[in-house]
PDB file of N, CA and C in Angstrom:
ATOM      1  N   MET A   1      58.711  14.595 169.080  1.00  0.00           N
ATOM      2  CA  MET A   1      58.253  13.421 169.739  1.00  0.00           C
ATOM      3  C   MET A   1      57.669  12.398 168.780  1.00  0.00           C
ATOM      4  N   SER A   2      57.055  12.892 167.690  1.00  0.00           N
ATOM      5  CA  SER A   2      56.408  11.965 166.790  1.00  0.00           C
ATOM      6  C   SER A   2      57.438  11.106 166.046  1.00  0.00           C
ATOM      7  N   THR A   3      58.686  11.614 165.851  1.00  0.00           N
ATOM      8  CA  THR A   3      59.653  10.840 165.146  1.00  0.00           C
ATOM      9  C   THR A   3      60.105   9.642 165.986  1.00  0.00           C
ATOM     10  N   GLU A   4      60.120   9.827 167.343  1.00  0.00           N
ATOM     11  CA  GLU A   4      60.534   8.723 168.202  1.00  0.00           C
ATOM     12  C   GLU A   4      59.430   7.656 168.154  1.00  0.00           C
ATOM     13  N   GLY A   5      58.184   8.052 168.128  1.00  0.00           N
ATOM     14  CA  GLY A   5      57.052   7.109 168.004  1.00  0.00           C
ATOM     15  C   GLY A   5      57.143   6.304 166.716  1.00  0.00           C
ATOM     16  N   ALA A   6      57.475   7.012 165.604  1.00  0.00           N
ATOM     17  CA  ALA A   6      57.590   6.341 164.303  1.00  0.00           C
ATOM     18  C   ALA A   6      58.724   5.355 164.312  1.00  0.00           C
ATOM     19  N   MET A   7      59.863   5.710 164.936  1.00  0.00           N
ATOM     20  CA  MET A   7      60.975   4.845 164.972  1.00  0.00           C
ATOM     21  C   MET A   7      60.682   3.656 165.855  1.00  0.00           C
ATOM     22  N   ASP A   8      59.953   3.804 166.908  1.00  0.00           N
ATOM     23  CA  ASP A   8      59.551   2.742 167.761  1.00  0.00           C
ATOM     24  C   ASP A   8      58.616   1.766 167.044  1.00  0.00           C
ATOM     25  N   ALA A   9      57.713   2.315 166.297  1.00  0.00           N
ATOM     26  CA  ALA A   9      56.772   1.467 165.489  1.00  0.00           C
ATOM     27  C   ALA A   9      57.553   0.719 164.426  1.00  0.00           C
ATOM     28  N   ALA A  10      58.517   1.346 163.810  1.00  0.00           N
ATOM     29  CA  ALA A  10      59.349   0.632 162.782  1.00  0.00           C
ATOM     30  C   ALA A  10      60.213  -0.412 163.465  1.00  0.00           C
ATOM     31  N   THR A  11      60.750  -0.084 164.605  1.00  0.00           N
ATOM     32  CA  THR A  11      61.507  -1.082 165.324  1.00  0.00           C
ATOM     33  C   THR A  11      60.686  -2.254 165.742  1.00  0.00           C
ATOM     34  N   ALA A  12      59.484  -2.006 166.222  1.00  0.00           N
ATOM     35  CA  ALA A  12      58.592  -3.040 166.634  1.00  0.00           C
ATOM     36  C   ALA A  12      58.206  -3.924 165.464  1.00  0.00           C
ATOM     37  N   ALA A  13      57.990  -3.279 164.304  1.00  0.00           N
ATOM     38  CA  ALA A  13      57.626  -4.125 163.117  1.00  0.00           C
ATOM     39  C   ALA A  13      58.816  -4.924 162.633  1.00  0.00           C
ATOM     40  N   ARG A  14      60.010  -4.400 162.721  1.00  0.00           N
ATOM     41  CA  ARG A  14      61.182  -5.129 162.355  1.00  0.00           C
ATOM     42  C   ARG A  14      61.414  -6.335 163.307  1.00  0.00           C
ATOM     43  N   LEU A  15      61.252  -6.044 164.594  1.00  0.00           N
ATOM     44  CA  LEU A  15      61.406  -7.128 165.554  1.00  0.00           C
ATOM     45  C   LEU A  15      60.365  -8.194 165.406  1.00  0.00           C
ATOM     46  N   GLU A  16      59.172  -7.765 165.010  1.00  0.00           N
ATOM     47  CA  GLU A  16      58.052  -8.726 164.809  1.00  0.00           C
ATOM     48  C   GLU A  16      58.434  -9.660 163.586  1.00  0.00           C
ATOM     49  N   ARG A  17      59.064  -9.103 162.578  1.00  0.00           N
ATOM     50  CA  ARG A  17      59.339  -9.839 161.359  1.00  0.00           C
ATOM     51  C   ARG A  17      60.631 -10.647 161.562  1.00  0.00           C
ATOM     52  N   PHE A  18      61.722 -10.033 162.058  1.00  0.00           N
ATOM     53  CA  PHE A  18      63.051 -10.620 162.086  1.00  0.00           C
ATOM     54  C   PHE A  18      63.535 -10.832 163.512  1.00  0.00           C
ATOM     55  N   GLY A  19      62.689 -10.876 164.522  1.00  0.00           N
ATOM     56  CA  GLY A  19      63.101 -10.866 165.901  1.00  0.00           C
ATOM     57  C   GLY A  19      63.691 -12.173 166.346  1.00  0.00           C
ATOM     58  N   ARG A  20      63.383 -13.276 165.706  1.00  0.00           N
ATOM     59  CA  ARG A  20      63.894 -14.594 166.153  1.00  0.00           C
ATOM     60  C   ARG A  20      64.380 -15.403 164.950  1.00  0.00           C
ATOM     61  N   LEU A  21      65.312 -16.296 165.245  1.00  0.00           N
ATOM     62  CA  LEU A  21      65.858 -17.112 164.182  1.00  0.00           C
ATOM     63  C   LEU A  21      64.902 -18.275 163.934  1.00  0.00           C
ATOM     64  N   PRO A  22      64.990 -18.836 162.680  1.00  0.00           N
ATOM     65  CA  PRO A  22      64.078 -19.973 162.421  1.00  0.00           C
ATOM     66  C   PRO A  22      64.548 -21.186 163.170  1.00  0.00           C
ATOM     67  N   GLU A  23      63.714 -22.173 163.298  1.00  0.00           N
ATOM     68  CA  GLU A  23      63.990 -23.424 164.040  1.00  0.00           C
ATOM     69  C   GLU A  23      65.203 -24.130 163.308  1.00  0.00           C
ATOM     70  N   ARG A  24      66.005 -24.739 164.061  1.00  0.00           N
ATOM     71  CA  ARG A  24      67.167 -25.511 163.534  1.00  0.00           C
ATOM     72  C   ARG A  24      66.694 -26.741 162.786  1.00  0.00           C
ATOM     73  N   ILE A  25      67.384 -27.080 161.709  1.00  0.00           N
ATOM     74  CA  ILE A  25      67.107 -28.287 160.955  1.00  0.00           C
ATOM     75  C   ILE A  25      68.180 -29.271 161.220  1.00  0.00           C
ATOM     76  N   ARG A  26      67.835 -30.461 161.594  1.00  0.00           N
ATOM     77  CA  ARG A  26      68.823 -31.475 161.891  1.00  0.00           C
ATOM     78  C   ARG A  26      69.457 -31.965 160.609  1.00  0.00           C
ATOM     79  N   ILE A  27      70.729 -32.419 160.679  1.00  0.00           N
ATOM     80  CA  ILE A  27      71.448 -32.948 159.479  1.00  0.00           C
ATOM     81  C   ILE A  27      70.730 -34.163 158.928  1.00  0.00           C
ATOM     82  N   GLU A  28      70.113 -34.963 159.721  1.00  0.00           N
ATOM     83  CA  GLU A  28      69.440 -36.147 159.251  1.00  0.00           C
ATOM     84  C   GLU A  28      68.211 -35.766 158.451  1.00  0.00           C
ATOM     85  N   ASP A  29      67.622 -34.618 158.721  1.00  0.00           N
ATOM     86  CA  ASP A  29      66.505 -34.184 157.923  1.00  0.00           C
ATOM     87  C   ASP A  29      66.918 -33.532 156.604  1.00  0.00           C
ATOM     88  N   MET A  30      68.160 -33.123 156.460  1.00  0.00           N
ATOM     89  CA  MET A  30      68.662 -32.516 155.207  1.00  0.00           C
ATOM     90  C   MET A  30      69.244 -33.510 154.188  1.00  0.00           C
ATOM     91  N   THR A  31      69.586 -34.706 154.663  1.00  0.00           N
ATOM     92  CA  THR A  31      70.235 -35.645 153.800  1.00  0.00           C
ATOM     93  C   THR A  31      69.387 -36.894 153.635  1.00  0.00           C
ATOM     94  N   GLU A  32      69.635 -37.563 152.503  1.00  0.00           N
ATOM     95  CA  GLU A  32      68.871 -38.793 152.246  1.00  0.00           C
ATOM     96  C   GLU A  32      69.862 -39.834 151.648  1.00  0.00           C
ATOM     97  N   SER A  33      69.801 -40.991 152.195  1.00  0.00           N
ATOM     98  CA  SER A  33      70.687 -42.073 151.690  1.00  0.00           C
ATOM     99  C   SER A  33      69.851 -43.169 151.039  1.00  0.00           C
ATOM    100  N   LYS A  34      70.287 -43.525 149.823  1.00  0.00           N
ATOM    101  CA  LYS A  34      69.615 -44.634 149.173  1.00  0.00           C
ATOM    102  C   LYS A  34      70.625 -45.348 148.236  1.00  0.00           C
ATOM    103  N   VAL A  35      70.363 -46.579 147.952  1.00  0.00           N
ATOM    104  CA  VAL A  35      71.247 -47.340 147.117  1.00  0.00           C
ATOM    105  C   VAL A  35      71.158 -46.843 145.678  1.00  0.00           C
ATOM    106  N   ALA A  36      72.353 -46.761 144.996  1.00  0.00           N
ATOM    107  CA  ALA A  36      72.419 -46.266 143.628  1.00  0.00           C
ATOM    108  C   ALA A  36      71.653 -47.124 142.675  1.00  0.00           C
ATOM    109  N   THR A  37      71.773 -48.427 142.810  1.00  0.00           N
ATOM    110  CA  THR A  37      71.019 -49.390 141.998  1.00  0.00           C
ATOM    111  C   THR A  37      70.201 -50.235 142.881  1.00  0.00           C
ATOM    112  N   PRO A  38      69.081 -50.685 142.455  1.00  0.00           N
ATOM    113  CA  PRO A  38      68.199 -51.450 143.341  1.00  0.00           C
ATOM    114  C   PRO A  38      68.801 -52.716 143.872  1.00  0.00           C
ATOM    115  N   ASP A  39      69.626 -53.394 143.078  1.00  0.00           N
ATOM    116  CA  ASP A  39      70.177 -54.664 143.559  1.00  0.00           C
ATOM    117  C   ASP A  39      71.604 -54.477 144.117  1.00  0.00           C
ATOM    118  N   GLY A  40      72.116 -53.286 144.115  1.00  0.00           N
ATOM    119  CA  GLY A  40      73.402 -52.979 144.720  1.00  0.00           C
ATOM    120  C   GLY A  40      74.626 -53.305 143.871  1.00  0.00           C
ATOM    121  N   THR A  41      74.470 -53.616 142.583  1.00  0.00           N
ATOM    122  CA  THR A  41      75.586 -53.918 141.756  1.00  0.00           C
ATOM    123  C   THR A  41      76.186 -52.599 141.259  1.00  0.00           C
ATOM    124  N   VAL A  42      77.439 -52.711 140.813  1.00  0.00           N
ATOM    125  CA  VAL A  42      78.170 -51.516 140.267  1.00  0.00           C
ATOM    126  C   VAL A  42      77.911 -51.494 138.765  1.00  0.00           C
ATOM    127  N   VAL A  43      77.375 -50.365 138.285  1.00  0.00           N
ATOM    128  CA  VAL A  43      77.047 -50.267 136.874  1.00  0.00           C
ATOM    129  C   VAL A  43      78.265 -49.891 136.077  1.00  0.00           C
ATOM    130  N   ASP A  44      78.932 -48.808 136.453  1.00  0.00           N
ATOM    131  CA  ASP A  44      80.108 -48.296 135.673  1.00  0.00           C
ATOM    132  C   ASP A  44      81.336 -48.518 136.499  1.00  0.00           C
ATOM    133  N   ALA A  45      81.946 -49.639 136.417  1.00  0.00           N
ATOM    134  CA  ALA A  45      83.172 -49.911 137.146  1.00  0.00           C
ATOM    135  C   ALA A  45      84.360 -49.247 136.427  1.00  0.00           C
ATOM    136  N   TYR A  46      85.394 -48.878 137.089  1.00  0.00           N
ATOM    137  CA  TYR A  46      86.567 -48.274 136.548  1.00  0.00           C
ATOM    138  C   TYR A  46      87.303 -49.327 135.675  1.00  0.00           C
ATOM    139  N   ASN A  47      87.600 -48.963 134.434  1.00  0.00           N
ATOM    140  CA  ASN A  47      88.373 -49.854 133.492  1.00  0.00           C
ATOM    141  C   ASN A  47      89.613 -49.134 133.134  1.00  0.00           C
ATOM    142  N   PRO A  48      90.805 -49.462 133.617  1.00  0.00           N
ATOM    143  CA  PRO A  48      92.021 -48.697 133.350  1.00  0.00           C
ATOM    144  C   PRO A  48      92.413 -48.752 131.868  1.00  0.00           C
ATOM    145  N   GLU A  49      92.017 -49.799 131.153  1.00  0.00           N
ATOM    146  CA  GLU A  49      92.408 -49.959 129.756  1.00  0.00           C
ATOM    147  C   GLU A  49      91.610 -48.968 128.876  1.00  0.00           C
ATOM    148  N   ARG A  50      90.454 -48.585 129.314  1.00  0.00           N
ATOM    149  CA  ARG A  50      89.623 -47.631 128.525  1.00  0.00           C
ATOM    150  C   ARG A  50      89.511 -46.223 129.173  1.00  0.00           C
ATOM    151  N   SER A  51      90.331 -45.953 130.117  1.00  0.00           N
ATOM    152  CA  SER A  51      90.262 -44.709 130.821  1.00  0.00           C
ATOM    153  C   SER A  51      90.604 -43.528 129.941  1.00  0.00           C
ATOM    154  N   TRP A  52      91.394 -43.778 128.925  1.00  0.00           N
ATOM    155  CA  TRP A  52      91.806 -42.628 127.986  1.00  0.00           C
ATOM    156  C   TRP A  52      90.568 -42.119 127.256  1.00  0.00           C
ATOM    157  N   ASN A  53      89.475 -42.833 127.172  1.00  0.00           N
ATOM    158  CA  ASN A  53      88.300 -42.366 126.437  1.00  0.00           C
ATOM    159  C   ASN A  53      87.639 -41.191 127.115  1.00  0.00           C
ATOM    160  N   TYR A  54      87.866 -41.008 128.363  1.00  0.00           N
ATOM    161  CA  TYR A  54      87.154 -39.981 129.138  1.00  0.00           C
ATOM    162  C   TYR A  54      87.911 -38.628 129.184  1.00  0.00           C
ATOM    163  N   PHE A  55      89.085 -38.540 128.591  1.00  0.00           N
ATOM    164  CA  PHE A  55      89.809 -37.317 128.558  1.00  0.00           C
ATOM    165  C   PHE A  55      89.894 -36.725 127.146  1.00  0.00           C
ATOM    166  N   SER A  56      89.811 -35.437 127.060  1.00  0.00           N
ATOM    167  CA  SER A  56      89.919 -34.777 125.760  1.00  0.00           C
ATOM    168  C   SER A  56      91.352 -34.324 125.548  1.00  0.00           C
ATOM    169  N   CYS A  57      91.877 -34.647 124.470  1.00  0.00           N
ATOM    170  CA  CYS A  57      93.262 -34.266 124.127  1.00  0.00           C
ATOM    171  C   CYS A  57      93.259 -33.788 122.677  1.00  0.00           C
ATOM    172  N   LEU A  58      93.772 -32.558 122.476  1.00  0.00           N
ATOM    173  CA  LEU A  58      93.752 -31.979 121.123  1.00  0.00           C
ATOM    174  C   LEU A  58      94.579 -32.778 120.164  1.00  0.00           C
ATOM    175  N   ALA A  59      95.779 -33.215 120.630  1.00  0.00           N
ATOM    176  CA  ALA A  59      96.653 -34.032 119.786  1.00  0.00           C
ATOM    177  C   ALA A  59      95.996 -35.354 119.401  1.00  0.00           C
ATOM    178  N   LEU A  60      95.278 -35.974 120.330  1.00  0.00           N
ATOM    179  CA  LEU A  60      94.600 -37.244 120.038  1.00  0.00           C
ATOM    180  C   LEU A  60      93.446 -36.970 119.096  1.00  0.00           C
ATOM    181  N   ASP A  61      92.710 -35.848 119.323  1.00  0.00           N
ATOM    182  CA  ASP A  61      91.607 -35.532 118.372  1.00  0.00           C
ATOM    183  C   ASP A  61      92.078 -35.284 116.966  1.00  0.00           C
ATOM    184  N   MET A  62      93.282 -34.728 116.818  1.00  0.00           N
ATOM    185  CA  MET A  62      93.826 -34.424 115.471  1.00  0.00           C
ATOM    186  C   MET A  62      94.471 -35.619 114.881  1.00  0.00           C
ATOM    187  N   GLY A  63      94.628 -36.709 115.591  1.00  0.00           N
ATOM    188  CA  GLY A  63      95.283 -37.893 115.065  1.00  0.00           C
ATOM    189  C   GLY A  63      96.765 -37.875 115.074  1.00  0.00           C
ATOM    190  N   LEU A  64      97.346 -37.028 115.925  1.00  0.00           N
ATOM    191  CA  LEU A  64      98.811 -36.953 115.956  1.00  0.00           C
ATOM    192  C   LEU A  64      99.428 -37.996 116.869  1.00  0.00           C
TER     193      LEU A  64
END
């Protein structure tokens, strides 16, 4: 009979600790929106003529 009492105490302790789910967090509370630059201008605009600078190419690095 003492093992049943110990299991009930363990069950009660587990239910005390993990018995309910935490409160839900709204999406609005998890995200934040703000302007990237204070005045709203674009700092790094895409430039197709210089786009090759952003890719690594072994042949280009070797001067081939």
